[in-house]
Amino acid sequence: MNLLFFDANLIGGGVGVFLAVAFFLVFAAVAFIAFKMLKKSVKMAVRMVIVAIILAIAVTGTVGLWWASSRPSPKPPRPANSR
């Protein structure tokens, strides 16, 4: 069974950058909505902690996606000489 497919970088190039940006924008929108929804029910410090946690998740995910998409795919091993 050939497992070389699993060594490929599946989110390489522009697709990975797009996914990273989209991931960050989605979580930034979630943080904004959470900030607005908690406006009257929670004090400012707690609201800011919740928003900071959501944005930390967004930044971590964005960096992870960018890192995964920027590293090159591994080279396949050279075939052994068989006679």
PDB file of N, CA and C in Angstrom:
ATOM      1  N   MET A   1       0.856  -1.181   0.000  1.00  0.00           N
ATOM      2  CA  MET A   1       0.000   0.000   0.000  1.00  0.00           C
ATOM      3  C   MET A   1       0.897   1.237   0.000  1.00  0.00           C
ATOM      4  N   ASN A   2       0.590   2.148  -0.840  1.00  0.00           N
ATOM      5  CA  ASN A   2       1.398   3.359  -0.973  1.00  0.00           C
ATOM      6  C   ASN A   2       0.838   4.456  -0.072  1.00  0.00           C
ATOM      7  N   LEU A   3       1.623   4.883   0.904  1.00  0.00           N
ATOM      8  CA  LEU A   3       1.174   5.896   1.856  1.00  0.00           C
ATOM      9  C   LEU A   3       1.765   7.269   1.555  1.00  0.00           C
ATOM     10  N   LEU A   4       2.286   7.457   0.359  1.00  0.00           N
ATOM     11  CA  LEU A   4       2.872   8.747   0.026  1.00  0.00           C
ATOM     12  C   LEU A   4       1.831   9.866   0.019  1.00  0.00           C
ATOM     13  N   PHE A   5       0.575   9.525  -0.233  1.00  0.00           N
ATOM     14  CA  PHE A   5      -0.471  10.538  -0.255  1.00  0.00           C
ATOM     15  C   PHE A   5      -0.575  11.253   1.094  1.00  0.00           C
ATOM     16  N   PHE A   6      -0.342  10.525   2.180  1.00  0.00           N
ATOM     17  CA  PHE A   6      -0.496  11.106   3.499  1.00  0.00           C
ATOM     18  C   PHE A   6       0.658  12.028   3.870  1.00  0.00           C
ATOM     19  N   ASP A   7       1.725  12.012   3.091  1.00  0.00           N
ATOM     20  CA  ASP A   7       2.852  12.901   3.330  1.00  0.00           C
ATOM     21  C   ASP A   7       2.692  14.245   2.632  1.00  0.00           C
ATOM     22  N   ALA A   8       1.692  14.375   1.797  1.00  0.00           N
ATOM     23  CA  ALA A   8       1.519  15.596   1.012  1.00  0.00           C
ATOM     24  C   ALA A   8       1.015  16.731   1.890  1.00  0.00           C
ATOM     25  N   ASN A   9       1.402  17.948   1.550  1.00  0.00           N
ATOM     26  CA  ASN A   9       0.923  19.142   2.232  1.00  0.00           C
ATOM     27  C   ASN A   9      -0.408  19.528   1.587  1.00  0.00           C
ATOM     28  N   LEU A  10      -1.514  19.204   2.251  1.00  0.00           N
ATOM     29  CA  LEU A  10      -2.823  19.352   1.639  1.00  0.00           C
ATOM     30  C   LEU A  10      -3.329  20.784   1.597  1.00  0.00           C
ATOM     31  N   ILE A  11      -2.808  21.647   2.451  1.00  0.00           N
ATOM     32  CA  ILE A  11      -3.291  23.025   2.465  1.00  0.00           C
ATOM     33  C   ILE A  11      -2.163  23.976   2.121  1.00  0.00           C
ATOM     34  N   GLY A  12      -1.479  23.688   1.068  1.00  0.00           N
ATOM     35  CA  GLY A  12      -0.313  24.486   0.704  1.00  0.00           C
ATOM     36  C   GLY A  12      -0.673  25.733  -0.087  1.00  0.00           C
ATOM     37  N   GLY A  13       0.253  26.680  -0.089  1.00  0.00           N
ATOM     38  CA  GLY A  13       0.132  27.878  -0.918  1.00  0.00           C
ATOM     39  C   GLY A  13      -0.980  28.809  -0.517  1.00  0.00           C
ATOM     40  N   GLY A  14      -1.664  29.335  -1.517  1.00  0.00           N
ATOM     41  CA  GLY A  14      -2.704  30.332  -1.307  1.00  0.00           C
ATOM     42  C   GLY A  14      -3.909  29.819  -0.551  1.00  0.00           C
ATOM     43  N   VAL A  15      -4.195  28.537  -0.683  1.00  0.00           N
ATOM     44  CA  VAL A  15      -5.354  27.977   0.017  1.00  0.00           C
ATOM     45  C   VAL A  15      -5.146  28.057   1.525  1.00  0.00           C
ATOM     46  N   GLY A  16      -3.938  27.739   1.978  1.00  0.00           N
ATOM     47  CA  GLY A  16      -3.655  27.806   3.411  1.00  0.00           C
ATOM     48  C   GLY A  16      -3.730  29.218   3.954  1.00  0.00           C
ATOM     49  N   VAL A  17      -3.227  30.183   3.177  1.00  0.00           N
ATOM     50  CA  VAL A  17      -3.297  31.586   3.602  1.00  0.00           C
ATOM     51  C   VAL A  17      -4.757  32.030   3.675  1.00  0.00           C
ATOM     52  N   PHE A  18      -5.548  31.648   2.685  1.00  0.00           N
ATOM     53  CA  PHE A  18      -6.973  31.991   2.688  1.00  0.00           C
ATOM     54  C   PHE A  18      -7.667  31.381   3.900  1.00  0.00           C
ATOM     55  N   LEU A  19      -7.377  30.104   4.192  1.00  0.00           N
ATOM     56  CA  LEU A  19      -7.984  29.464   5.358  1.00  0.00           C
ATOM     57  C   LEU A  19      -7.582  30.150   6.652  1.00  0.00           C
ATOM     58  N   ALA A  20      -6.320  30.561   6.751  1.00  0.00           N
ATOM     59  CA  ALA A  20      -5.852  31.234   7.961  1.00  0.00           C
ATOM     60  C   ALA A  20      -6.574  32.563   8.157  1.00  0.00           C
ATOM     61  N   VAL A  21      -6.696  33.341   7.093  1.00  0.00           N
ATOM     62  CA  VAL A  21      -7.377  34.639   7.183  1.00  0.00           C
ATOM     63  C   VAL A  21      -8.861  34.445   7.487  1.00  0.00           C
ATOM     64  N   ALA A  22      -9.490  33.488   6.812  1.00  0.00           N
ATOM     65  CA  ALA A  22     -10.911  33.227   7.056  1.00  0.00           C
ATOM     66  C   ALA A  22     -11.144  32.764   8.493  1.00  0.00           C
ATOM     67  N   PHE A  23     -10.253  31.911   9.000  1.00  0.00           N
ATOM     68  CA  PHE A  23     -10.360  31.429  10.378  1.00  0.00           C
ATOM     69  C   PHE A  23     -10.301  32.594  11.352  1.00  0.00           C
ATOM     70  N   PHE A  24      -9.339  33.498  11.143  1.00  0.00           N
ATOM     71  CA  PHE A  24      -9.216  34.650  12.036  1.00  0.00           C
ATOM     72  C   PHE A  24     -10.444  35.547  11.955  1.00  0.00           C
ATOM     73  N   LEU A  25     -10.929  35.817  10.738  1.00  0.00           N
ATOM     74  CA  LEU A  25     -12.084  36.706  10.592  1.00  0.00           C
ATOM     75  C   LEU A  25     -13.341  36.123  11.230  1.00  0.00           C
ATOM     76  N   VAL A  26     -13.523  34.817  11.122  1.00  0.00           N
ATOM     77  CA  VAL A  26     -14.692  34.182  11.755  1.00  0.00           C
ATOM     78  C   VAL A  26     -14.618  34.341  13.271  1.00  0.00           C
ATOM     79  N   PHE A  27     -13.444  34.078  13.846  1.00  0.00           N
ATOM     80  CA  PHE A  27     -13.331  34.200  15.296  1.00  0.00           C
ATOM     81  C   PHE A  27     -13.359  35.661  15.750  1.00  0.00           C
ATOM     82  N   ALA A  28     -12.874  36.580  14.930  1.00  0.00           N
ATOM     83  CA  ALA A  28     -12.988  38.000  15.275  1.00  0.00           C
ATOM     84  C   ALA A  28     -14.458  38.414  15.297  1.00  0.00           C
ATOM     85  N   ALA A  29     -15.238  37.902  14.346  1.00  0.00           N
ATOM     86  CA  ALA A  29     -16.673  38.193  14.333  1.00  0.00           C
ATOM     87  C   ALA A  29     -17.363  37.588  15.561  1.00  0.00           C
ATOM     88  N   VAL A  30     -16.971  36.377  15.932  1.00  0.00           N
ATOM     89  CA  VAL A  30     -17.535  35.739  17.126  1.00  0.00           C
ATOM     90  C   VAL A  30     -17.191  36.561  18.368  1.00  0.00           C
ATOM     91  N   ALA A  31     -15.956  37.051  18.443  1.00  0.00           N
ATOM     92  CA  ALA A  31     -15.559  37.874  19.591  1.00  0.00           C
ATOM     93  C   ALA A  31     -16.361  39.167  19.641  1.00  0.00           C
ATOM     94  N   PHE A  32     -16.583  39.796  18.496  1.00  0.00           N
ATOM     95  CA  PHE A  32     -17.357  41.038  18.446  1.00  0.00           C
ATOM     96  C   PHE A  32     -18.801  40.791  18.877  1.00  0.00           C
ATOM     97  N   ILE A  33     -19.389  39.717  18.366  1.00  0.00           N
ATOM     98  CA  ILE A  33     -20.779  39.392  18.724  1.00  0.00           C
ATOM     99  C   ILE A  33     -20.876  39.086  20.219  1.00  0.00           C
ATOM    100  N   ALA A  34     -19.898  38.333  20.748  1.00  0.00           N
ATOM    101  CA  ALA A  34     -19.913  38.032  22.191  1.00  0.00           C
ATOM    102  C   ALA A  34     -19.786  39.308  23.005  1.00  0.00           C
ATOM    103  N   PHE A  35     -18.930  40.224  22.552  1.00  0.00           N
ATOM    104  CA  PHE A  35     -18.756  41.493  23.255  1.00  0.00           C
ATOM    105  C   PHE A  35     -20.064  42.279  23.294  1.00  0.00           C
ATOM    106  N   LYS A  36     -20.762  42.322  22.163  1.00  0.00           N
ATOM    107  CA  LYS A  36     -22.030  43.067  22.109  1.00  0.00           C
ATOM    108  C   LYS A  36     -23.136  42.372  22.904  1.00  0.00           C
ATOM    109  N   MET A  37     -23.171  41.030  22.863  1.00  0.00           N
ATOM    110  CA  MET A  37     -24.225  40.318  23.585  1.00  0.00           C
ATOM    111  C   MET A  37     -24.061  40.423  25.097  1.00  0.00           C
ATOM    112  N   LEU A  38     -22.817  40.498  25.553  1.00  0.00           N
ATOM    113  CA  LEU A  38     -22.562  40.551  26.990  1.00  0.00           C
ATOM    114  C   LEU A  38     -22.524  41.974  27.535  1.00  0.00           C
ATOM    115  N   LYS A  39     -22.942  42.914  26.717  1.00  0.00           N
ATOM    116  CA  LYS A  39     -22.806  44.328  27.071  1.00  0.00           C
ATOM    117  C   LYS A  39     -23.490  44.689  28.382  1.00  0.00           C
ATOM    118  N   LYS A  40     -24.698  44.222  28.568  1.00  0.00           N
ATOM    119  CA  LYS A  40     -25.451  44.653  29.746  1.00  0.00           C
ATOM    120  C   LYS A  40     -25.401  43.650  30.892  1.00  0.00           C
ATOM    121  N   SER A  41     -25.001  42.424  30.605  1.00  0.00           N
ATOM    122  CA  SER A  41     -25.118  41.404  31.643  1.00  0.00           C
ATOM    123  C   SER A  41     -23.828  41.152  32.420  1.00  0.00           C
ATOM    124  N   VAL A  42     -22.711  41.523  31.881  1.00  0.00           N
ATOM    125  CA  VAL A  42     -21.443  41.199  32.525  1.00  0.00           C
ATOM    126  C   VAL A  42     -20.595  42.464  32.604  1.00  0.00           C
ATOM    127  N   LYS A  43     -19.791  42.555  33.646  1.00  0.00           N
ATOM    128  CA  LYS A  43     -18.931  43.728  33.796  1.00  0.00           C
ATOM    129  C   LYS A  43     -17.854  43.742  32.718  1.00  0.00           C
ATOM    130  N   MET A  44     -17.275  44.906  32.514  1.00  0.00           N
ATOM    131  CA  MET A  44     -16.316  45.127  31.429  1.00  0.00           C
ATOM    132  C   MET A  44     -15.109  44.192  31.528  1.00  0.00           C
ATOM    133  N   ALA A  45     -14.581  43.952  32.699  1.00  0.00           N
ATOM    134  CA  ALA A  45     -13.387  43.113  32.837  1.00  0.00           C
ATOM    135  C   ALA A  45     -13.655  41.686  32.371  1.00  0.00           C
ATOM    136  N   VAL A  46     -14.781  41.143  32.742  1.00  0.00           N
ATOM    137  CA  VAL A  46     -15.122  39.782  32.340  1.00  0.00           C
ATOM    138  C   VAL A  46     -15.358  39.731  30.840  1.00  0.00           C
ATOM    139  N   ARG A  47     -16.023  40.730  30.295  1.00  0.00           N
ATOM    140  CA  ARG A  47     -16.236  40.791  28.842  1.00  0.00           C
ATOM    141  C   ARG A  47     -14.909  40.797  28.110  1.00  0.00           C
ATOM    142  N   MET A  48     -13.965  41.590  28.582  1.00  0.00           N
ATOM    143  CA  MET A  48     -12.680  41.688  27.903  1.00  0.00           C
ATOM    144  C   MET A  48     -11.899  40.375  28.004  1.00  0.00           C
ATOM    145  N   VAL A  49     -12.019  39.654  29.116  1.00  0.00           N
ATOM    146  CA  VAL A  49     -11.352  38.356  29.252  1.00  0.00           C
ATOM    147  C   VAL A  49     -11.941  37.356  28.258  1.00  0.00           C
ATOM    148  N   ILE A  50     -13.253  37.343  28.135  1.00  0.00           N
ATOM    149  CA  ILE A  50     -13.906  36.433  27.185  1.00  0.00           C
ATOM    150  C   ILE A  50     -13.472  36.755  25.766  1.00  0.00           C
ATOM    151  N   VAL A  51     -13.470  38.016  25.396  1.00  0.00           N
ATOM    152  CA  VAL A  51     -13.053  38.432  24.058  1.00  0.00           C
ATOM    153  C   VAL A  51     -11.574  38.106  23.845  1.00  0.00           C
ATOM    154  N   ALA A  52     -10.741  38.302  24.854  1.00  0.00           N
ATOM    155  CA  ALA A  52      -9.316  37.990  24.717  1.00  0.00           C
ATOM    156  C   ALA A  52      -9.096  36.494  24.507  1.00  0.00           C
ATOM    157  N   ILE A  53      -9.859  35.661  25.177  1.00  0.00           N
ATOM    158  CA  ILE A  53      -9.742  34.212  24.991  1.00  0.00           C
ATOM    159  C   ILE A  53     -10.146  33.829  23.570  1.00  0.00           C
ATOM    160  N   ILE A  54     -11.241  34.377  23.078  1.00  0.00           N
ATOM    161  CA  ILE A  54     -11.688  34.078  21.712  1.00  0.00           C
ATOM    162  C   ILE A  54     -10.649  34.537  20.701  1.00  0.00           C
ATOM    163  N   LEU A  55     -10.087  35.725  20.895  1.00  0.00           N
ATOM    164  CA  LEU A  55      -9.073  36.218  19.962  1.00  0.00           C
ATOM    165  C   LEU A  55      -7.775  35.422  20.070  1.00  0.00           C
ATOM    166  N   ALA A  56      -7.438  34.932  21.249  1.00  0.00           N
ATOM    167  CA  ALA A  56      -6.250  34.087  21.389  1.00  0.00           C
ATOM    168  C   ALA A  56      -6.422  32.782  20.617  1.00  0.00           C
ATOM    169  N   ILE A  57      -7.618  32.211  20.671  1.00  0.00           N
ATOM    170  CA  ILE A  57      -7.904  31.018  19.879  1.00  0.00           C
ATOM    171  C   ILE A  57      -7.779  31.334  18.390  1.00  0.00           C
ATOM    172  N   ALA A  58      -8.275  32.501  17.987  1.00  0.00           N
ATOM    173  CA  ALA A  58      -8.197  32.898  16.584  1.00  0.00           C
ATOM    174  C   ALA A  58      -6.757  33.060  16.128  1.00  0.00           C
ATOM    175  N   VAL A  59      -5.939  33.704  16.931  1.00  0.00           N
ATOM    176  CA  VAL A  59      -4.540  33.922  16.550  1.00  0.00           C
ATOM    177  C   VAL A  59      -3.787  32.600  16.513  1.00  0.00           C
ATOM    178  N   THR A  60      -4.024  31.738  17.497  1.00  0.00           N
ATOM    179  CA  THR A  60      -3.354  30.438  17.533  1.00  0.00           C
ATOM    180  C   THR A  60      -3.733  29.597  16.316  1.00  0.00           C
ATOM    181  N   GLY A  61      -4.996  29.562  15.995  1.00  0.00           N
ATOM    182  CA  GLY A  61      -5.443  28.804  14.820  1.00  0.00           C
ATOM    183  C   GLY A  61      -4.902  29.380  13.525  1.00  0.00           C
ATOM    184  N   THR A  62      -4.865  30.706  13.438  1.00  0.00           N
ATOM    185  CA  THR A  62      -4.345  31.348  12.235  1.00  0.00           C
ATOM    186  C   THR A  62      -2.868  31.043  12.050  1.00  0.00           C
ATOM    187  N   VAL A  63      -2.096  31.143  13.107  1.00  0.00           N
ATOM    188  CA  VAL A  63      -0.661  30.840  13.016  1.00  0.00           C
ATOM    189  C   VAL A  63      -0.460  29.362  12.680  1.00  0.00           C
ATOM    190  N   GLY A  64      -1.254  28.504  13.269  1.00  0.00           N
ATOM    191  CA  GLY A  64      -1.145  27.073  12.970  1.00  0.00           C
ATOM    192  C   GLY A  64      -1.454  26.761  11.521  1.00  0.00           C
ATOM    193  N   LEU A  65      -2.515  27.335  10.988  1.00  0.00           N
ATOM    194  CA  LEU A  65      -2.850  27.117   9.579  1.00  0.00           C
ATOM    195  C   LEU A  65      -1.795  27.712   8.663  1.00  0.00           C
ATOM    196  N   TRP A  66      -1.298  28.887   9.003  1.00  0.00           N
ATOM    197  CA  TRP A  66      -0.263  29.514   8.172  1.00  0.00           C
ATOM    198  C   TRP A  66       1.003  28.678   8.197  1.00  0.00           C
ATOM    199  N   TRP A  67       1.386  28.183   9.376  1.00  0.00           N
ATOM    200  CA  TRP A  67       2.596  27.374   9.491  1.00  0.00           C
ATOM    201  C   TRP A  67       2.448  26.073   8.697  1.00  0.00           C
ATOM    202  N   ALA A  68       1.273  25.445   8.794  1.00  0.00           N
ATOM    203  CA  ALA A  68       1.052  24.187   8.078  1.00  0.00           C
ATOM    204  C   ALA A  68       1.052  24.387   6.572  1.00  0.00           C
ATOM    205  N   SER A  69       0.600  25.546   6.127  1.00  0.00           N
ATOM    206  CA  SER A  69       0.542  25.770   4.687  1.00  0.00           C
ATOM    207  C   SER A  69       1.852  26.295   4.124  1.00  0.00           C
ATOM    208  N   SER A  70       2.745  26.797   4.951  1.00  0.00           N
ATOM    209  CA  SER A  70       3.965  27.393   4.437  1.00  0.00           C
ATOM    210  C   SER A  70       5.135  26.430   4.371  1.00  0.00           C
ATOM    211  N   ARG A  71       5.076  25.331   5.079  1.00  0.00           N
ATOM    212  CA  ARG A  71       6.192  24.391   5.012  1.00  0.00           C
ATOM    213  C   ARG A  71       6.066  23.538   3.761  1.00  0.00           C
ATOM    214  N   PRO A  72       7.173  23.209   3.153  1.00  0.00           N
ATOM    215  CA  PRO A  72       7.131  22.443   1.907  1.00  0.00           C
ATOM    216  C   PRO A  72       6.721  20.996   2.149  1.00  0.00           C
ATOM    217  N   SER A  73       6.175  20.391   1.113  1.00  0.00           N
ATOM    218  CA  SER A  73       5.823  18.983   1.200  1.00  0.00           C
ATOM    219  C   SER A  73       7.093  18.150   1.258  1.00  0.00           C
ATOM    220  N   PRO A  74       7.067  17.079   2.004  1.00  0.00           N
ATOM    221  CA  PRO A  74       8.266  16.249   2.068  1.00  0.00           C
ATOM    222  C   PRO A  74       8.534  15.575   0.728  1.00  0.00           C
ATOM    223  N   LYS A  75       9.803  15.366   0.427  1.00  0.00           N
ATOM    224  CA  LYS A  75      10.171  14.700  -0.813  1.00  0.00           C
ATOM    225  C   LYS A  75       9.951  13.201  -0.657  1.00  0.00           C
ATOM    226  N   PRO A  76       9.437  12.558  -1.706  1.00  0.00           N
ATOM    227  CA  PRO A  76       9.251  11.109  -1.606  1.00  0.00           C
ATOM    228  C   PRO A  76      10.605  10.404  -1.557  1.00  0.00           C
ATOM    229  N   PRO A  77      10.671   9.268  -0.897  1.00  0.00           N
ATOM    230  CA  PRO A  77      11.945   8.552  -0.816  1.00  0.00           C
ATOM    231  C   PRO A  77      12.363   8.024  -2.188  1.00  0.00           C
ATOM    232  N   ARG A  78      13.665   7.935  -2.382  1.00  0.00           N
ATOM    233  CA  ARG A  78      14.180   7.416  -3.629  1.00  0.00           C
ATOM    234  C   ARG A  78      13.936   5.908  -3.677  1.00  0.00           C
ATOM    235  N   PRO A  79      13.517   5.422  -4.813  1.00  0.00           N
ATOM    236  CA  PRO A  79      13.286   3.969  -4.905  1.00  0.00           C
ATOM    237  C   PRO A  79      14.601   3.202  -4.834  1.00  0.00           C
ATOM    238  N   ALA A  80      14.549   2.064  -4.227  1.00  0.00           N
ATOM    239  CA  ALA A  80      15.743   1.226  -4.113  1.00  0.00           C
ATOM    240  C   ALA A  80      16.013   0.559  -5.461  1.00  0.00           C
ATOM    241  N   ASN A  81      17.266   0.388  -5.760  1.00  0.00           N
ATOM    242  CA  ASN A  81      17.619  -0.287  -7.006  1.00  0.00           C
ATOM    243  C   ASN A  81      17.292  -1.764  -6.879  1.00  0.00           C
ATOM    244  N   SER A  82      16.425  -2.230  -7.709  1.00  0.00           N
ATOM    245  CA  SER A  82      16.090  -3.663  -7.700  1.00  0.00           C
ATOM    246  C   SER A  82      16.502  -4.258  -9.035  1.00  0.00           C
ATOM    247  N   ARG A  83      17.145  -5.397  -8.964  1.00  0.00           N
ATOM    248  CA  ARG A  83      17.607  -6.050 -10.196  1.00  0.00           C
ATOM    249  C   ARG A  83      16.982  -7.392 -10.348  1.00  0.00           C
TER     250      ARG A  83
END
